[in-house]
N, C-alpha and C. Protein backbone atom coordinates (compact mmCIF):
# COMPACT_ATOMS: atom_id res chain seq x y z
N MET A 1 84.91 114.52 64.95
CA MET A 1 83.70 114.31 65.72
C MET A 1 83.51 115.39 66.77
N LYS A 2 84.60 115.78 67.43
CA LYS A 2 84.50 116.78 68.48
C LYS A 2 84.03 118.12 67.92
N ARG A 3 84.48 118.47 66.71
CA ARG A 3 84.06 119.72 66.08
C ARG A 3 82.57 119.72 65.82
N ILE A 4 82.04 118.59 65.41
CA ILE A 4 80.60 118.48 65.16
C ILE A 4 79.83 118.65 66.46
N ALA A 5 80.31 118.04 67.52
CA ALA A 5 79.64 118.15 68.83
C ALA A 5 79.65 119.59 69.31
N ILE A 6 80.76 120.29 69.12
CA ILE A 6 80.85 121.70 69.52
C ILE A 6 79.89 122.54 68.68
N ALA A 7 79.86 122.29 67.39
CA ALA A 7 78.97 123.04 66.51
C ALA A 7 77.51 122.80 66.88
N MET A 8 77.16 121.57 67.18
CA MET A 8 75.78 121.25 67.56
C MET A 8 75.42 121.92 68.89
N SER A 9 76.36 121.95 69.81
CA SER A 9 76.13 122.59 71.09
C SER A 9 75.91 124.09 70.91
N ARG A 10 76.72 124.70 70.08
CA ARG A 10 76.57 126.14 69.78
C ARG A 10 75.23 126.41 69.11
N TYR A 11 74.88 125.56 68.17
CA TYR A 11 73.59 125.69 67.47
C TYR A 11 72.45 125.63 68.48
N GLN A 12 72.49 124.64 69.37
CA GLN A 12 71.43 124.48 70.36
C GLN A 12 71.38 125.68 71.30
N ASP A 13 72.53 126.21 71.67
CA ASP A 13 72.57 127.41 72.51
C ASP A 13 71.89 128.59 71.81
N HIS A 14 72.16 128.75 70.51
CA HIS A 14 71.55 129.83 69.75
C HIS A 14 70.03 129.64 69.64
N VAL A 15 69.60 128.43 69.39
CA VAL A 15 68.17 128.15 69.29
C VAL A 15 67.48 128.47 70.62
N GLU A 16 68.07 128.04 71.72
CA GLU A 16 67.47 128.31 73.03
C GLU A 16 67.43 129.81 73.33
N TRP A 17 68.50 130.51 72.99
CA TRP A 17 68.56 131.95 73.22
C TRP A 17 67.50 132.67 72.38
N LEU A 18 67.44 132.32 71.08
CA LEU A 18 66.45 132.95 70.20
C LEU A 18 65.03 132.65 70.65
N THR A 19 64.78 131.42 71.06
CA THR A 19 63.45 131.05 71.56
C THR A 19 63.08 131.89 72.77
N ALA A 20 64.00 132.05 73.68
CA ALA A 20 63.74 132.86 74.88
C ALA A 20 63.48 134.31 74.51
N GLN A 21 64.24 134.85 73.56
CA GLN A 21 64.04 136.24 73.14
C GLN A 21 62.68 136.43 72.48
N VAL A 22 62.32 135.51 71.59
CA VAL A 22 61.02 135.60 70.93
C VAL A 22 59.90 135.49 71.96
N ALA A 23 60.06 134.59 72.90
CA ALA A 23 59.06 134.43 73.96
C ALA A 23 58.90 135.73 74.75
N HIS A 24 60.02 136.37 75.05
CA HIS A 24 59.97 137.62 75.81
C HIS A 24 59.26 138.72 75.01
N VAL A 25 59.64 138.86 73.74
CA VAL A 25 59.07 139.92 72.89
C VAL A 25 57.58 139.71 72.65
N THR A 26 57.17 138.47 72.52
CA THR A 26 55.78 138.18 72.16
C THR A 26 54.89 137.82 73.36
N ASN A 27 55.48 137.74 74.55
CA ASN A 27 54.74 137.33 75.75
C ASN A 27 54.11 135.94 75.60
N VAL A 28 54.87 135.04 74.98
CA VAL A 28 54.45 133.65 74.79
C VAL A 28 55.44 132.79 75.58
N SER A 29 54.96 131.73 76.18
CA SER A 29 55.84 130.82 76.91
C SER A 29 56.87 130.21 75.96
N PRO A 30 58.14 130.15 76.37
CA PRO A 30 59.15 129.52 75.50
C PRO A 30 58.78 128.08 75.13
N ASP A 31 58.10 127.38 76.03
CA ASP A 31 57.69 126.00 75.74
C ASP A 31 56.66 125.92 74.64
N ALA A 32 55.94 127.01 74.39
CA ALA A 32 54.89 127.02 73.37
C ALA A 32 55.43 127.35 71.99
N ILE A 33 56.69 127.74 71.91
CA ILE A 33 57.27 128.15 70.63
C ILE A 33 57.88 126.96 69.92
N ASN A 34 57.43 126.76 68.69
CA ASN A 34 57.93 125.69 67.83
C ASN A 34 58.86 126.33 66.81
N THR A 35 60.09 125.87 66.73
CA THR A 35 61.07 126.49 65.84
C THR A 35 60.71 126.34 64.36
N GLY A 36 59.77 125.48 64.05
CA GLY A 36 59.35 125.31 62.66
C GLY A 36 58.16 126.17 62.27
N THR A 37 57.67 126.95 63.21
CA THR A 37 56.49 127.80 62.97
C THR A 37 56.95 129.23 62.66
N PRO A 38 56.36 129.85 61.64
CA PRO A 38 56.72 131.25 61.35
C PRO A 38 56.50 132.14 62.57
N LEU A 39 57.42 133.05 62.80
CA LEU A 39 57.36 133.91 63.99
C LEU A 39 56.14 134.82 63.99
N ALA A 40 55.61 135.14 62.84
CA ALA A 40 54.40 135.97 62.77
C ALA A 40 53.24 135.29 63.48
N TYR A 41 53.23 133.99 63.50
CA TYR A 41 52.17 133.23 64.19
C TYR A 41 52.12 133.60 65.68
N TYR A 42 53.27 133.91 66.25
CA TYR A 42 53.36 134.25 67.67
C TYR A 42 53.18 135.75 67.92
N GLY A 43 52.97 136.50 66.85
CA GLY A 43 52.75 137.93 67.00
C GLY A 43 53.97 138.80 66.77
N MET A 44 55.04 138.22 66.24
CA MET A 44 56.22 139.02 65.94
C MET A 44 55.88 140.00 64.83
N ASP A 45 56.17 141.26 65.08
CA ASP A 45 55.95 142.30 64.08
C ASP A 45 57.28 143.01 63.84
N SER A 46 57.24 144.10 63.07
CA SER A 46 58.49 144.79 62.73
C SER A 46 59.20 145.31 63.98
N ALA A 47 58.45 145.77 64.98
CA ALA A 47 59.06 146.25 66.21
C ALA A 47 59.74 145.09 66.95
N GLY A 48 59.10 143.93 66.96
CA GLY A 48 59.68 142.76 67.60
C GLY A 48 60.95 142.29 66.90
N PHE A 49 60.93 142.33 65.57
CA PHE A 49 62.12 141.93 64.82
C PHE A 49 63.25 142.94 65.03
N ARG A 50 62.90 144.20 65.14
CA ARG A 50 63.92 145.23 65.40
C ARG A 50 64.56 144.96 66.76
N GLN A 51 63.75 144.67 67.77
CA GLN A 51 64.29 144.39 69.10
C GLN A 51 65.18 143.15 69.08
N LEU A 52 64.74 142.13 68.36
CA LEU A 52 65.54 140.90 68.24
C LEU A 52 66.88 141.20 67.57
N SER A 53 66.86 142.05 66.55
CA SER A 53 68.09 142.43 65.85
C SER A 53 69.04 143.17 66.78
N VAL A 54 68.52 144.09 67.58
CA VAL A 54 69.34 144.84 68.53
C VAL A 54 69.94 143.88 69.57
N ASP A 55 69.12 142.97 70.07
CA ASP A 55 69.59 142.00 71.07
C ASP A 55 70.66 141.07 70.50
N LEU A 56 70.47 140.63 69.26
CA LEU A 56 71.47 139.76 68.61
C LEU A 56 72.82 140.46 68.52
N LYS A 57 72.78 141.72 68.13
CA LYS A 57 74.03 142.47 68.00
C LYS A 57 74.68 142.69 69.37
N ALA A 58 73.88 143.06 70.35
CA ALA A 58 74.42 143.38 71.68
C ALA A 58 74.92 142.15 72.42
N GLU A 59 74.16 141.07 72.37
CA GLU A 59 74.49 139.91 73.19
C GLU A 59 75.29 138.83 72.49
N LYS A 60 75.09 138.71 71.18
CA LYS A 60 75.76 137.63 70.44
C LYS A 60 76.75 138.12 69.39
N LYS A 61 76.85 139.45 69.26
CA LYS A 61 77.75 140.06 68.27
C LYS A 61 77.42 139.62 66.85
N ILE A 62 76.12 139.41 66.59
CA ILE A 62 75.64 138.99 65.27
C ILE A 62 74.82 140.13 64.69
N GLU A 63 75.23 140.65 63.53
CA GLU A 63 74.47 141.70 62.88
C GLU A 63 73.52 141.11 61.87
N VAL A 64 72.30 141.64 61.88
CA VAL A 64 71.28 141.16 60.97
C VAL A 64 70.86 142.31 60.08
């Protein structure tokens, strides 16, 4: 049970971080971003995805 709680906490941390990054790149309020909506709806383009990829690698050590 504890492993599941830790995994869910990590997942939620990643979702919140990604939401904040997308909000920053697109100049949209984080509260307005729905995780079930395609990012293109918020104006994410190739430059935005590139920035998100760089940030993921730098801050989360995740390569995309």
